[in-house]
Amino acid sequence: MWDNFGRKLKKARQDRKMSQRNLGIFLGLSDKAISSYESGRTLPNLETLMKISKELGKPVSYFLDDSLAQESLCDKLNEIERQINNISESIKEIKDTMLEEQDSEVQVPSVVPED
């Protein structure tokens, strides 16, 4: 999952024209901590990863392994598809209920008595 994290962190940081020191200052970390992340010696915790993501303008998934990001995307798409199916079923049930109610209403023509 973290195989390419250091490389991606370094690239994102350099794309933003930031030094390790500047990124560390924004994150409340030392430049040595950033260097350690980029070299793969250590990994950030989730809170720090989210801060890195925000500061560098990249989604968290960018920093994770590509296969994990693809799996995550597939999971999200499957969840969206499931929700769409649930909504479609709910709409069908509402339509059926409305049609049943409409059919059960007795429509009595109004009769106006003649004088």
C-alpha atoms as a PDB file:
ATOM      1  CA  MET A   1       0.000   0.000   0.000  1.00  0.00           C
ATOM      2  CA  TRP A   2       2.856   2.395   0.809  1.00  0.00           C
ATOM      3  CA  ASP A   3       5.260   1.178  -1.876  1.00  0.00           C
ATOM      4  CA  ASN A   4       5.425   4.445  -3.793  1.00  0.00           C
ATOM      5  CA  PHE A   5       4.520   6.845  -1.018  1.00  0.00           C
ATOM      6  CA  GLY A   6       7.943   8.472  -0.652  1.00  0.00           C
ATOM      7  CA  ARG A   7       8.370   8.968  -4.385  1.00  0.00           C
ATOM      8  CA  LYS A   8       4.894  10.458  -4.744  1.00  0.00           C
ATOM      9  CA  LEU A   9       5.374  12.706  -1.727  1.00  0.00           C
ATOM     10  CA  LYS A  10       8.629  14.048  -3.127  1.00  0.00           C
ATOM     11  CA  LYS A  11       7.110  14.642  -6.568  1.00  0.00           C
ATOM     12  CA  ALA A  12       4.043  16.415  -5.158  1.00  0.00           C
ATOM     13  CA  ARG A  13       6.234  18.561  -2.911  1.00  0.00           C
ATOM     14  CA  GLN A  14       8.574  19.482  -5.769  1.00  0.00           C
ATOM     15  CA  ASP A  15       5.611  20.208  -8.076  1.00  0.00           C
ATOM     16  CA  ARG A  16       4.505  22.780  -5.486  1.00  0.00           C
ATOM     17  CA  LYS A  17       8.054  24.171  -5.411  1.00  0.00           C
ATOM     18  CA  MET A  18       8.336  23.463  -1.680  1.00  0.00           C
ATOM     19  CA  SER A  19      11.403  22.473   0.252  1.00  0.00           C
ATOM     20  CA  GLN A  20      11.274  19.704   2.812  1.00  0.00           C
ATOM     21  CA  ARG A  21      11.743  22.391   5.432  1.00  0.00           C
ATOM     22  CA  ASN A  22       8.762  24.461   4.224  1.00  0.00           C
ATOM     23  CA  LEU A  23       6.485  21.433   4.031  1.00  0.00           C
ATOM     24  CA  GLY A  24       7.614  20.403   7.492  1.00  0.00           C
ATOM     25  CA  ILE A  25       6.808  23.869   8.853  1.00  0.00           C
ATOM     26  CA  PHE A  26       3.295  23.762   7.378  1.00  0.00           C
ATOM     27  CA  LEU A  27       2.753  20.304   8.871  1.00  0.00           C
ATOM     28  CA  GLY A  28       4.398  21.017  12.211  1.00  0.00           C
ATOM     29  CA  LEU A  29       7.175  18.527  11.472  1.00  0.00           C
ATOM     30  CA  SER A  30      10.910  18.729  10.955  1.00  0.00           C
ATOM     31  CA  ASP A  31      12.537  18.585   7.547  1.00  0.00           C
ATOM     32  CA  LYS A  32      14.138  15.345   8.771  1.00  0.00           C
ATOM     33  CA  ALA A  33      10.681  13.804   9.204  1.00  0.00           C
ATOM     34  CA  ILE A  34       9.781  14.764   5.622  1.00  0.00           C
ATOM     35  CA  SER A  35      13.092  13.334   4.397  1.00  0.00           C
ATOM     36  CA  SER A  36      12.383  10.135   6.304  1.00  0.00           C
ATOM     37  CA  TYR A  37       8.949   9.840   4.649  1.00  0.00           C
ATOM     38  CA  GLU A  38      10.370  10.488   1.190  1.00  0.00           C
ATOM     39  CA  SER A  39      13.143   7.912   1.612  1.00  0.00           C
ATOM     40  CA  GLY A  40      10.680   5.295   2.870  1.00  0.00           C
ATOM     41  CA  ARG A  41      12.375   4.922   6.258  1.00  0.00           C
ATOM     42  CA  THR A  42       9.192   5.888   8.096  1.00  0.00           C
ATOM     43  CA  LEU A  43       5.561   6.466   7.212  1.00  0.00           C
ATOM     44  CA  PRO A  44       3.162   9.132   8.441  1.00  0.00           C
ATOM     45  CA  ASN A  45       0.134   8.347  10.545  1.00  0.00           C
ATOM     46  CA  LEU A  46      -3.315   8.920   9.062  1.00  0.00           C
ATOM     47  CA  GLU A  47      -3.695  12.407  10.530  1.00  0.00           C
ATOM     48  CA  THR A  48      -0.360  13.499   9.065  1.00  0.00           C
ATOM     49  CA  LEU A  49      -1.192  11.887   5.729  1.00  0.00           C
ATOM     50  CA  MET A  50      -4.394  13.917   5.583  1.00  0.00           C
ATOM     51  CA  LYS A  51      -2.463  17.113   6.366  1.00  0.00           C
ATOM     52  CA  ILE A  52       0.090  16.275   3.649  1.00  0.00           C
ATOM     53  CA  SER A  53      -2.730  15.640   1.207  1.00  0.00           C
ATOM     54  CA  LYS A  54      -4.366  18.968   1.986  1.00  0.00           C
ATOM     55  CA  GLU A  55      -1.141  20.981   1.937  1.00  0.00           C
ATOM     56  CA  LEU A  56       0.018  19.518  -1.374  1.00  0.00           C
ATOM     57  CA  GLY A  57      -3.416  19.657  -3.004  1.00  0.00           C
ATOM     58  CA  LYS A  58      -3.601  15.937  -3.717  1.00  0.00           C
ATOM     59  CA  PRO A  59      -6.211  13.392  -2.647  1.00  0.00           C
ATOM     60  CA  VAL A  60      -5.046  10.873  -0.058  1.00  0.00           C
ATOM     61  CA  SER A  61      -5.464   8.126  -2.652  1.00  0.00           C
ATOM     62  CA  TYR A  62      -2.712   9.757  -4.747  1.00  0.00           C
ATOM     63  CA  PHE A  63      -0.149   8.820  -2.115  1.00  0.00           C
ATOM     64  CA  LEU A  64      -1.312   5.239  -1.729  1.00  0.00           C
ATOM     65  CA  ASP A  65      -0.348   2.348  -3.953  1.00  0.00           C
ATOM     66  CA  ASP A  66      -1.979   2.543  -7.374  1.00  0.00           C
ATOM     67  CA  SER A  67      -3.624  -0.873  -7.075  1.00  0.00           C
ATOM     68  CA  LEU A  68      -5.134   0.152  -3.738  1.00  0.00           C
ATOM     69  CA  ALA A  69      -6.429   3.367  -5.257  1.00  0.00           C
ATOM     70  CA  GLN A  70      -8.009   1.371  -8.089  1.00  0.00           C
ATOM     71  CA  GLU A  71      -9.569  -1.058  -5.623  1.00  0.00           C
ATOM     72  CA  SER A  72     -10.887   1.869  -3.635  1.00  0.00           C
ATOM     73  CA  LEU A  73     -12.341   3.410  -6.783  1.00  0.00           C
ATOM     74  CA  CYS A  74     -13.990   0.096  -7.715  1.00  0.00           C
ATOM     75  CA  ASP A  75     -15.428  -0.198  -4.213  1.00  0.00           C
ATOM     76  CA  LYS A  76     -16.832   3.332  -4.445  1.00  0.00           C
ATOM     77  CA  LEU A  77     -18.319   2.676  -7.886  1.00  0.00           C
ATOM     78  CA  ASN A  78     -19.897  -0.555  -6.643  1.00  0.00           C
ATOM     79  CA  GLU A  79     -21.378   1.306  -3.680  1.00  0.00           C
ATOM     80  CA  ILE A  80     -22.767   4.017  -5.965  1.00  0.00           C
ATOM     81  CA  GLU A  81     -24.289   1.367  -8.225  1.00  0.00           C
ATOM     82  CA  ARG A  82     -25.880  -0.321  -5.187  1.00  0.00           C
ATOM     83  CA  GLN A  83     -27.313   3.010  -4.026  1.00  0.00           C
ATOM     84  CA  ILE A  84     -28.700   3.749  -7.500  1.00  0.00           C
ATOM     85  CA  ASN A  85     -30.385   0.343  -7.539  1.00  0.00           C
ATOM     86  CA  ASN A  86     -31.884   1.005  -4.095  1.00  0.00           C
ATOM     87  CA  ILE A  87     -33.169   4.394  -5.236  1.00  0.00           C
ATOM     88  CA  SER A  88     -34.635   2.861  -8.404  1.00  0.00           C
ATOM     89  CA  GLU A  89     -36.429   0.242  -6.329  1.00  0.00           C
ATOM     90  CA  SER A  90     -37.771   2.923  -3.976  1.00  0.00           C
ATOM     91  CA  ILE A  91     -39.045   4.993  -6.908  1.00  0.00           C
ATOM     92  CA  LYS A  92     -40.764   1.923  -8.368  1.00  0.00           C
ATOM     93  CA  GLU A  93     -42.422   1.179  -5.016  1.00  0.00           C
ATOM     94  CA  ILE A  94     -43.620   4.784  -4.688  1.00  0.00           C
ATOM     95  CA  LYS A  95     -45.033   4.740  -8.230  1.00  0.00           C
ATOM     96  CA  ASP A  96     -46.813   1.436  -7.580  1.00  0.00           C
ATOM     97  CA  THR A  97     -48.277   2.793  -4.326  1.00  0.00           C
ATOM     98  CA  MET A  98     -49.462   5.960  -6.027  1.00  0.00           C
ATOM     99  CA  LEU A  99     -51.075   3.969  -8.851  1.00  0.00           C
ATOM    100  CA  GLU A 100     -52.821   1.692  -6.347  1.00  0.00           C
ATOM    101  CA  GLU A 101     -54.130   4.689  -4.410  1.00  0.00           C
ATOM    102  CA  GLN A 102     -55.296   6.338  -7.610  1.00  0.00           C
ATOM    103  CA  ASP A 103     -57.105   3.170  -8.742  1.00  0.00           C
ATOM    104  CA  SER A 104     -58.772   2.706  -5.350  1.00  0.00           C
ATOM    105  CA  GLU A 105     -60.232   6.191  -5.295  1.00  0.00           C
ATOM    106  CA  VAL A 106     -63.895   6.128  -6.188  1.00  0.00           C
ATOM    107  CA  GLN A 107     -64.671   8.752  -8.689  1.00  0.00           C
ATOM    108  CA  VAL A 108     -68.281   9.748  -8.477  1.00  0.00           C
ATOM    109  CA  PRO A 109     -69.470  12.046 -11.251  1.00  0.00           C
ATOM    110  CA  SER A 110     -71.133  15.117  -9.949  1.00  0.00           C
ATOM    111  CA  VAL A 111     -74.783  15.246 -10.762  1.00  0.00           C
ATOM    112  CA  VAL A 112     -76.509  18.557 -11.008  1.00  0.00           C
ATOM    113  CA  PRO A 113     -80.253  18.253 -10.442  1.00  0.00           C
ATOM    114  CA  GLU A 114     -82.414  19.673 -13.149  1.00  0.00           C
ATOM    115  CA  ASP A 115     -85.090  22.230 -12.257  1.00  0.00           C
END
